[in-house]
Amino acid sequence: MWGDLQYGLEPTIDEYVDRLVAVFDEAGRILSPPGTLWLNLGNSYTGGTRGAAGPRTGRPLTAVARRCRRST
């Protein structure tokens, strides 16, 4: 799952978001009910312009958090 032992090197933002969603789903499965998971999401640059990973991850990861809350 880890390309070059880190996340963020996926060919597309959609693949990056999908991978983060999978990680958060698994973390939600194993965390205790009061457990937390923090994500430090920095910007990346592609072709000299700032990437859009930050805004693109918010909605999918919020959906994961809601699923985790409902399952506890």
PDB file of N, CA and C in Angstrom:
ATOM      1  N   MET A   1       0.827  -1.200   0.000  1.00  0.00           N
ATOM      2  CA  MET A   1       0.000   0.000   0.000  1.00  0.00           C
ATOM      3  C   MET A   1       0.866   1.257   0.000  1.00  0.00           C
ATOM      4  N   TRP A   2       2.007   1.209   0.604  1.00  0.00           N
ATOM      5  CA  TRP A   2       2.861   2.392   0.702  1.00  0.00           C
ATOM      6  C   TRP A   2       3.825   2.435  -0.464  1.00  0.00           C
ATOM      7  N   GLY A   3       3.651   3.378  -1.382  1.00  0.00           N
ATOM      8  CA  GLY A   3       4.627   3.583  -2.445  1.00  0.00           C
ATOM      9  C   GLY A   3       5.772   4.416  -1.896  1.00  0.00           C
ATOM     10  N   ASP A   4       6.968   3.939  -1.992  1.00  0.00           N
ATOM     11  CA  ASP A   4       8.152   4.621  -1.449  1.00  0.00           C
ATOM     12  C   ASP A   4       8.017   4.915   0.044  1.00  0.00           C
ATOM     13  N   LEU A   5       7.266   4.083   0.761  1.00  0.00           N
ATOM     14  CA  LEU A   5       7.066   4.180   2.209  1.00  0.00           C
ATOM     15  C   LEU A   5       6.435   5.494   2.663  1.00  0.00           C
ATOM     16  N   GLN A   6       5.649   6.107   1.829  1.00  0.00           N
ATOM     17  CA  GLN A   6       4.929   7.313   2.230  1.00  0.00           C
ATOM     18  C   GLN A   6       3.695   7.510   1.361  1.00  0.00           C
ATOM     19  N   TYR A   7       2.768   8.256   1.899  1.00  0.00           N
ATOM     20  CA  TYR A   7       1.586   8.633   1.136  1.00  0.00           C
ATOM     21  C   TYR A   7       1.842   9.985   0.494  1.00  0.00           C
ATOM     22  N   GLY A   8       1.092  10.269  -0.554  1.00  0.00           N
ATOM     23  CA  GLY A   8       1.207  11.559  -1.203  1.00  0.00           C
ATOM     24  C   GLY A   8       1.926  11.520  -2.538  1.00  0.00           C
ATOM     25  N   LEU A   9       2.421  10.359  -2.916  1.00  0.00           N
ATOM     26  CA  LEU A   9       3.105  10.240  -4.203  1.00  0.00           C
ATOM     27  C   LEU A   9       2.231   9.559  -5.249  1.00  0.00           C
ATOM     28  N   GLU A  10       0.942   9.438  -4.958  1.00  0.00           N
ATOM     29  CA  GLU A  10       0.028   8.809  -5.903  1.00  0.00           C
ATOM     30  C   GLU A  10      -0.036   9.645  -7.176  1.00  0.00           C
ATOM     31  N   PRO A  11      -0.303   9.010  -8.307  1.00  0.00           N
ATOM     32  CA  PRO A  11      -0.327   9.733  -9.585  1.00  0.00           C
ATOM     33  C   PRO A  11      -1.418  10.799  -9.685  1.00  0.00           C
ATOM     34  N   THR A  12      -2.532  10.614  -8.967  1.00  0.00           N
ATOM     35  CA  THR A  12      -3.625  11.593  -9.043  1.00  0.00           C
ATOM     36  C   THR A  12      -4.117  11.938  -7.646  1.00  0.00           C
ATOM     37  N   ILE A  13      -4.763  13.084  -7.533  1.00  0.00           N
ATOM     38  CA  ILE A  13      -5.344  13.483  -6.251  1.00  0.00           C
ATOM     39  C   ILE A  13      -6.439  12.506  -5.844  1.00  0.00           C
ATOM     40  N   ASP A  14      -7.228  12.037  -6.798  1.00  0.00           N
ATOM     41  CA  ASP A  14      -8.294  11.086  -6.468  1.00  0.00           C
ATOM     42  C   ASP A  14      -7.733   9.810  -5.845  1.00  0.00           C
ATOM     43  N   GLU A  15      -6.626   9.308  -6.369  1.00  0.00           N
ATOM     44  CA  GLU A  15      -6.007   8.114  -5.780  1.00  0.00           C
ATOM     45  C   GLU A  15      -5.491   8.409  -4.378  1.00  0.00           C
ATOM     46  N   TYR A  16      -4.951   9.594  -4.182  1.00  0.00           N
ATOM     47  CA  TYR A  16      -4.473  10.012  -2.863  1.00  0.00           C
ATOM     48  C   TYR A  16      -5.627  10.058  -1.872  1.00  0.00           C
ATOM     49  N   VAL A  17      -6.721  10.673  -2.263  1.00  0.00           N
ATOM     50  CA  VAL A  17      -7.890  10.762  -1.384  1.00  0.00           C
ATOM     51  C   VAL A  17      -8.433   9.367  -1.088  1.00  0.00           C
ATOM     52  N   ASP A  18      -8.523   8.508  -2.087  1.00  0.00           N
ATOM     53  CA  ASP A  18      -8.998   7.136  -1.869  1.00  0.00           C
ATOM     54  C   ASP A  18      -8.122   6.407  -0.855  1.00  0.00           C
ATOM     55  N   ARG A  19      -6.829   6.595  -0.952  1.00  0.00           N
ATOM     56  CA  ARG A  19      -5.908   5.940  -0.022  1.00  0.00           C
ATOM     57  C   ARG A  19      -6.089   6.482   1.396  1.00  0.00           C
ATOM     58  N   LEU A  20      -6.245   7.793   1.538  1.00  0.00           N
ATOM     59  CA  LEU A  20      -6.478   8.365   2.863  1.00  0.00           C
ATOM     60  C   LEU A  20      -7.788   7.864   3.456  1.00  0.00           C
ATOM     61  N   VAL A  21      -8.822   7.778   2.645  1.00  0.00           N
ATOM     62  CA  VAL A  21     -10.111   7.269   3.122  1.00  0.00           C
ATOM     63  C   VAL A  21      -9.946   5.842   3.637  1.00  0.00           C
ATOM     64  N   ALA A  22      -9.193   5.013   2.933  1.00  0.00           N
ATOM     65  CA  ALA A  22      -8.964   3.633   3.380  1.00  0.00           C
ATOM     66  C   ALA A  22      -8.225   3.599   4.715  1.00  0.00           C
ATOM     67  N   VAL A  23      -7.239   4.468   4.880  1.00  0.00           N
ATOM     68  CA  VAL A  23      -6.495   4.530   6.143  1.00  0.00           C
ATOM     69  C   VAL A  23      -7.419   4.968   7.271  1.00  0.00           C
ATOM     70  N   PHE A  24      -8.225   5.993   7.035  1.00  0.00           N
ATOM     71  CA  PHE A  24      -9.127   6.474   8.069  1.00  0.00           C
ATOM     72  C   PHE A  24     -10.204   5.447   8.401  1.00  0.00           C
ATOM     73  N   ASP A  25     -10.694   4.726   7.412  1.00  0.00           N
ATOM     74  CA  ASP A  25     -11.659   3.654   7.676  1.00  0.00           C
ATOM     75  C   ASP A  25     -11.051   2.610   8.608  1.00  0.00           C
ATOM     76  N   GLU A  26      -9.834   2.200   8.332  1.00  0.00           N
ATOM     77  CA  GLU A  26      -9.173   1.196   9.170  1.00  0.00           C
ATOM     78  C   GLU A  26      -8.899   1.747  10.564  1.00  0.00           C
ATOM     79  N   ALA A  27      -8.460   2.988  10.653  1.00  0.00           N
ATOM     80  CA  ALA A  27      -8.218   3.594  11.962  1.00  0.00           C
ATOM     81  C   ALA A  27      -9.513   3.666  12.765  1.00  0.00           C
ATOM     82  N   GLY A  28     -10.608   4.016  12.111  1.00  0.00           N
ATOM     83  CA  GLY A  28     -11.897   4.062  12.800  1.00  0.00           C
ATOM     84  C   GLY A  28     -12.321   2.704  13.316  1.00  0.00           C
ATOM     85  N   ARG A  29     -11.915   1.670  12.639  1.00  0.00           N
ATOM     86  CA  ARG A  29     -12.257   0.315  13.062  1.00  0.00           C
ATOM     87  C   ARG A  29     -11.503  -0.081  14.327  1.00  0.00           C
ATOM     88  N   ILE A  30     -10.253   0.369  14.479  1.00  0.00           N
ATOM     89  CA  ILE A  30      -9.446  -0.093  15.605  1.00  0.00           C
ATOM     90  C   ILE A  30      -9.329   0.908  16.752  1.00  0.00           C
ATOM     91  N   LEU A  31      -9.683   2.160  16.540  1.00  0.00           N
ATOM     92  CA  LEU A  31      -9.612   3.143  17.626  1.00  0.00           C
ATOM     93  C   LEU A  31     -10.716   2.891  18.645  1.00  0.00           C
ATOM     94  N   SER A  32     -10.410   3.150  19.913  1.00  0.00           N
ATOM     95  CA  SER A  32     -11.452   3.077  20.932  1.00  0.00           C
ATOM     96  C   SER A  32     -12.391   4.266  20.740  1.00  0.00           C
ATOM     97  N   PRO A  33     -13.608   4.216  21.295  1.00  0.00           N
ATOM     98  CA  PRO A  33     -14.577   5.301  21.057  1.00  0.00           C
ATOM     99  C   PRO A  33     -14.049   6.717  21.323  1.00  0.00           C
ATOM    100  N   PRO A  34     -13.272   6.959  22.390  1.00  0.00           N
ATOM    101  CA  PRO A  34     -12.777   8.336  22.548  1.00  0.00           C
ATOM    102  C   PRO A  34     -11.491   8.607  21.766  1.00  0.00           C
ATOM    103  N   GLY A  35     -11.028   7.634  20.980  1.00  0.00           N
ATOM    104  CA  GLY A  35      -9.769   7.783  20.246  1.00  0.00           C
ATOM    105  C   GLY A  35      -9.847   8.870  19.183  1.00  0.00           C
ATOM    106  N   THR A  36      -8.701   9.427  18.867  1.00  0.00           N
ATOM    107  CA  THR A  36      -8.632  10.462  17.833  1.00  0.00           C
ATOM    108  C   THR A  36      -7.531  10.122  16.834  1.00  0.00           C
ATOM    109  N   LEU A  37      -7.656  10.699  15.681  1.00  0.00           N
ATOM    110  CA  LEU A  37      -6.642  10.561  14.634  1.00  0.00           C
ATOM    111  C   LEU A  37      -6.463  11.940  14.019  1.00  0.00           C
ATOM    112  N   TRP A  38      -5.238  12.380  13.943  1.00  0.00           N
ATOM    113  CA  TRP A  38      -4.939  13.690  13.387  1.00  0.00           C
ATOM    114  C   TRP A  38      -4.255  13.522  12.041  1.00  0.00           C
ATOM    115  N   LEU A  39      -4.565  14.419  11.151  1.00  0.00           N
ATOM    116  CA  LEU A  39      -3.940  14.431   9.831  1.00  0.00           C
ATOM    117  C   LEU A  39      -3.333  15.810   9.608  1.00  0.00           C
ATOM    118  N   ASN A  40      -2.033  15.847   9.407  1.00  0.00           N
ATOM    119  CA  ASN A  40      -1.344  17.090   9.078  1.00  0.00           C
ATOM    120  C   ASN A  40      -1.201  17.106   7.563  1.00  0.00           C
ATOM    121  N   LEU A  41      -2.056  17.859   6.918  1.00  0.00           N
ATOM    122  CA  LEU A  41      -2.109  17.864   5.460  1.00  0.00           C
ATOM    123  C   LEU A  41      -1.493  19.155   4.938  1.00  0.00           C
ATOM    124  N   GLY A  42      -0.332  19.033   4.337  1.00  0.00           N
ATOM    125  CA  GLY A  42       0.326  20.185   3.743  1.00  0.00           C
ATOM    126  C   GLY A  42       0.030  20.259   2.262  1.00  0.00           C
ATOM    127  N   ASN A  43       0.296  21.382   1.684  1.00  0.00           N
ATOM    128  CA  ASN A  43       0.122  21.531   0.240  1.00  0.00           C
ATOM    129  C   ASN A  43       1.287  20.898  -0.493  1.00  0.00           C
ATOM    130  N   SER A  44       1.014  20.473  -1.683  1.00  0.00           N
ATOM    131  CA  SER A  44       2.084  19.996  -2.556  1.00  0.00           C
ATOM    132  C   SER A  44       2.015  20.799  -3.848  1.00  0.00           C
ATOM    133  N   TYR A  45       3.075  20.729  -4.583  1.00  0.00           N
ATOM    134  CA  TYR A  45       3.130  21.483  -5.825  1.00  0.00           C
ATOM    135  C   TYR A  45       3.284  20.517  -6.980  1.00  0.00           C
ATOM    136  N   THR A  46       2.537  20.775  -8.016  1.00  0.00           N
ATOM    137  CA  THR A  46       2.623  19.934  -9.199  1.00  0.00           C
ATOM    138  C   THR A  46       2.696  20.840 -10.418  1.00  0.00           C
ATOM    139  N   GLY A  47       3.701  20.680 -11.185  1.00  0.00           N
ATOM    140  CA  GLY A  47       3.863  21.515 -12.369  1.00  0.00           C
ATOM    141  C   GLY A  47       4.018  22.985 -12.039  1.00  0.00           C
ATOM    142  N   GLY A  48       4.562  23.296 -10.845  1.00  0.00           N
ATOM    143  CA  GLY A  48       4.781  24.679 -10.463  1.00  0.00           C
ATOM    144  C   GLY A  48       3.585  25.365  -9.831  1.00  0.00           C
ATOM    145  N   THR A  49       2.444  24.682  -9.742  1.00  0.00           N
ATOM    146  CA  THR A  49       1.271  25.277  -9.103  1.00  0.00           C
ATOM    147  C   THR A  49       0.882  24.454  -7.886  1.00  0.00           C
ATOM    148  N   ARG A  50       0.190  25.086  -6.974  1.00  0.00           N
ATOM    149  CA  ARG A  50      -0.213  24.425  -5.748  1.00  0.00           C
ATOM    150  C   ARG A  50      -1.282  23.382  -6.039  1.00  0.00           C
ATOM    151  N   GLY A  51      -1.143  22.212  -5.429  1.00  0.00           N
ATOM    152  CA  GLY A  51      -2.118  21.134  -5.607  1.00  0.00           C
ATOM    153  C   GLY A  51      -3.411  21.421  -4.867  1.00  0.00           C
ATOM    154  N   ALA A  52      -4.424  20.641  -5.147  1.00  0.00           N
ATOM    155  CA  ALA A  52      -5.745  20.849  -4.543  1.00  0.00           C
ATOM    156  C   ALA A  52      -6.105  19.735  -3.578  1.00  0.00           C
ATOM    157  N   ALA A  53      -5.121  19.083  -2.983  1.00  0.00           N
ATOM    158  CA  ALA A  53      -5.415  17.946  -2.109  1.00  0.00           C
ATOM    159  C   ALA A  53      -6.204  18.372  -0.879  1.00  0.00           C
ATOM    160  N   GLY A  54      -5.859  19.492  -0.273  1.00  0.00           N
ATOM    161  CA  GLY A  54      -6.556  19.933   0.940  1.00  0.00           C
ATOM    162  C   GLY A  54      -8.058  20.022   0.772  1.00  0.00           C
ATOM    163  N   PRO A  55      -8.533  20.848  -0.147  1.00  0.00           N
ATOM    164  CA  PRO A  55      -9.977  20.955  -0.346  1.00  0.00           C
ATOM    165  C   PRO A  55     -10.621  19.649  -0.810  1.00  0.00           C
ATOM    166  N   ARG A  56      -9.901  18.825  -1.538  1.00  0.00           N
ATOM    167  CA  ARG A  56     -10.474  17.586  -2.071  1.00  0.00           C
ATOM    168  C   ARG A  56     -10.598  16.498  -1.010  1.00  0.00           C
ATOM    169  N   THR A  57      -9.867  16.593   0.109  1.00  0.00           N
ATOM    170  CA  THR A  57      -9.928  15.549   1.133  1.00  0.00           C
ATOM    171  C   THR A  57     -10.990  15.809   2.182  1.00  0.00           C
ATOM    172  N   GLY A  58     -11.400  17.039   2.353  1.00  0.00           N
ATOM    173  CA  GLY A  58     -12.324  17.384   3.432  1.00  0.00           C
ATOM    174  C   GLY A  58     -13.615  16.597   3.443  1.00  0.00           C
ATOM    175  N   ARG A  59     -14.334  16.599   2.369  1.00  0.00           N
ATOM    176  CA  ARG A  59     -15.639  15.929   2.319  1.00  0.00           C
ATOM    177  C   ARG A  59     -15.526  14.414   2.501  1.00  0.00           C
ATOM    178  N   PRO A  60     -14.624  13.718   1.783  1.00  0.00           N
ATOM    179  CA  PRO A  60     -14.523  12.267   1.988  1.00  0.00           C
ATOM    180  C   PRO A  60     -14.119  11.885   3.409  1.00  0.00           C
ATOM    181  N   LEU A  61     -13.192  12.626   4.016  1.00  0.00           N
ATOM    182  CA  LEU A  61     -12.761  12.278   5.366  1.00  0.00           C
ATOM    183  C   LEU A  61     -13.823  12.629   6.396  1.00  0.00           C
ATOM    184  N   THR A  62     -14.613  13.655   6.156  1.00  0.00           N
ATOM    185  CA  THR A  62     -15.743  13.953   7.038  1.00  0.00           C
ATOM    186  C   THR A  62     -16.748  12.816   6.998  1.00  0.00           C
ATOM    187  N   ALA A  63     -16.983  12.255   5.829  1.00  0.00           N
ATOM    188  CA  ALA A  63     -17.897  11.114   5.708  1.00  0.00           C
ATOM    189  C   ALA A  63     -17.367   9.916   6.486  1.00  0.00           C
ATOM    190  N   VAL A  64     -16.056   9.693   6.460  1.00  0.00           N
ATOM    191  CA  VAL A  64     -15.469   8.596   7.234  1.00  0.00           C
ATOM    192  C   VAL A  64     -15.691   8.837   8.720  1.00  0.00           C
ATOM    193  N   ALA A  65     -15.455  10.052   9.176  1.00  0.00           N
ATOM    194  CA  ALA A  65     -15.643  10.368  10.595  1.00  0.00           C
ATOM    195  C   ALA A  65     -17.081  10.114  11.025  1.00  0.00           C
ATOM    196  N   ARG A  66     -18.027  10.465  10.200  1.00  0.00           N
ATOM    197  CA  ARG A  66     -19.434  10.218  10.537  1.00  0.00           C
ATOM    198  C   ARG A  66     -19.728   8.723  10.619  1.00  0.00           C
ATOM    199  N   ARG A  67     -19.176   7.945   9.695  1.00  0.00           N
ATOM    200  CA  ARG A  67     -19.364   6.484   9.749  1.00  0.00           C
ATOM    201  C   ARG A  67     -18.790   5.922  11.041  1.00  0.00           C
ATOM    202  N   CYS A  68     -17.624   6.408  11.433  1.00  0.00           N
ATOM    203  CA  CYS A  68     -16.989   5.914  12.655  1.00  0.00           C
ATOM    204  C   CYS A  68     -17.828   6.257  13.881  1.00  0.00           C
ATOM    205  N   ARG A  69     -18.365   7.460  13.932  1.00  0.00           N
ATOM    206  CA  ARG A  69     -19.203   7.852  15.075  1.00  0.00           C
ATOM    207  C   ARG A  69     -20.453   6.998  15.167  1.00  0.00           C
ATOM    208  N   ARG A  70     -21.058   6.700  14.028  1.00  0.00           N
ATOM    209  CA  ARG A  70     -22.278   5.885  14.033  1.00  0.00           C
ATOM    210  C   ARG A  70     -22.011   4.457  14.475  1.00  0.00           C
ATOM    211  N   SER A  71     -20.806   3.956  14.219  1.00  0.00           N
ATOM    212  CA  SER A  71     -20.518   2.558  14.531  1.00  0.00           C
ATOM    213  C   SER A  71     -20.106   2.343  15.981  1.00  0.00           C
ATOM    214  N   THR A  72     -19.946   3.418  16.762  1.00  0.00           N
ATOM    215  CA  THR A  72     -19.556   3.244  18.171  1.00  0.00           C
ATOM    216  C   THR A  72     -20.743   3.353  19.078  1.00  0.00           C
TER     217      THR A  72
END
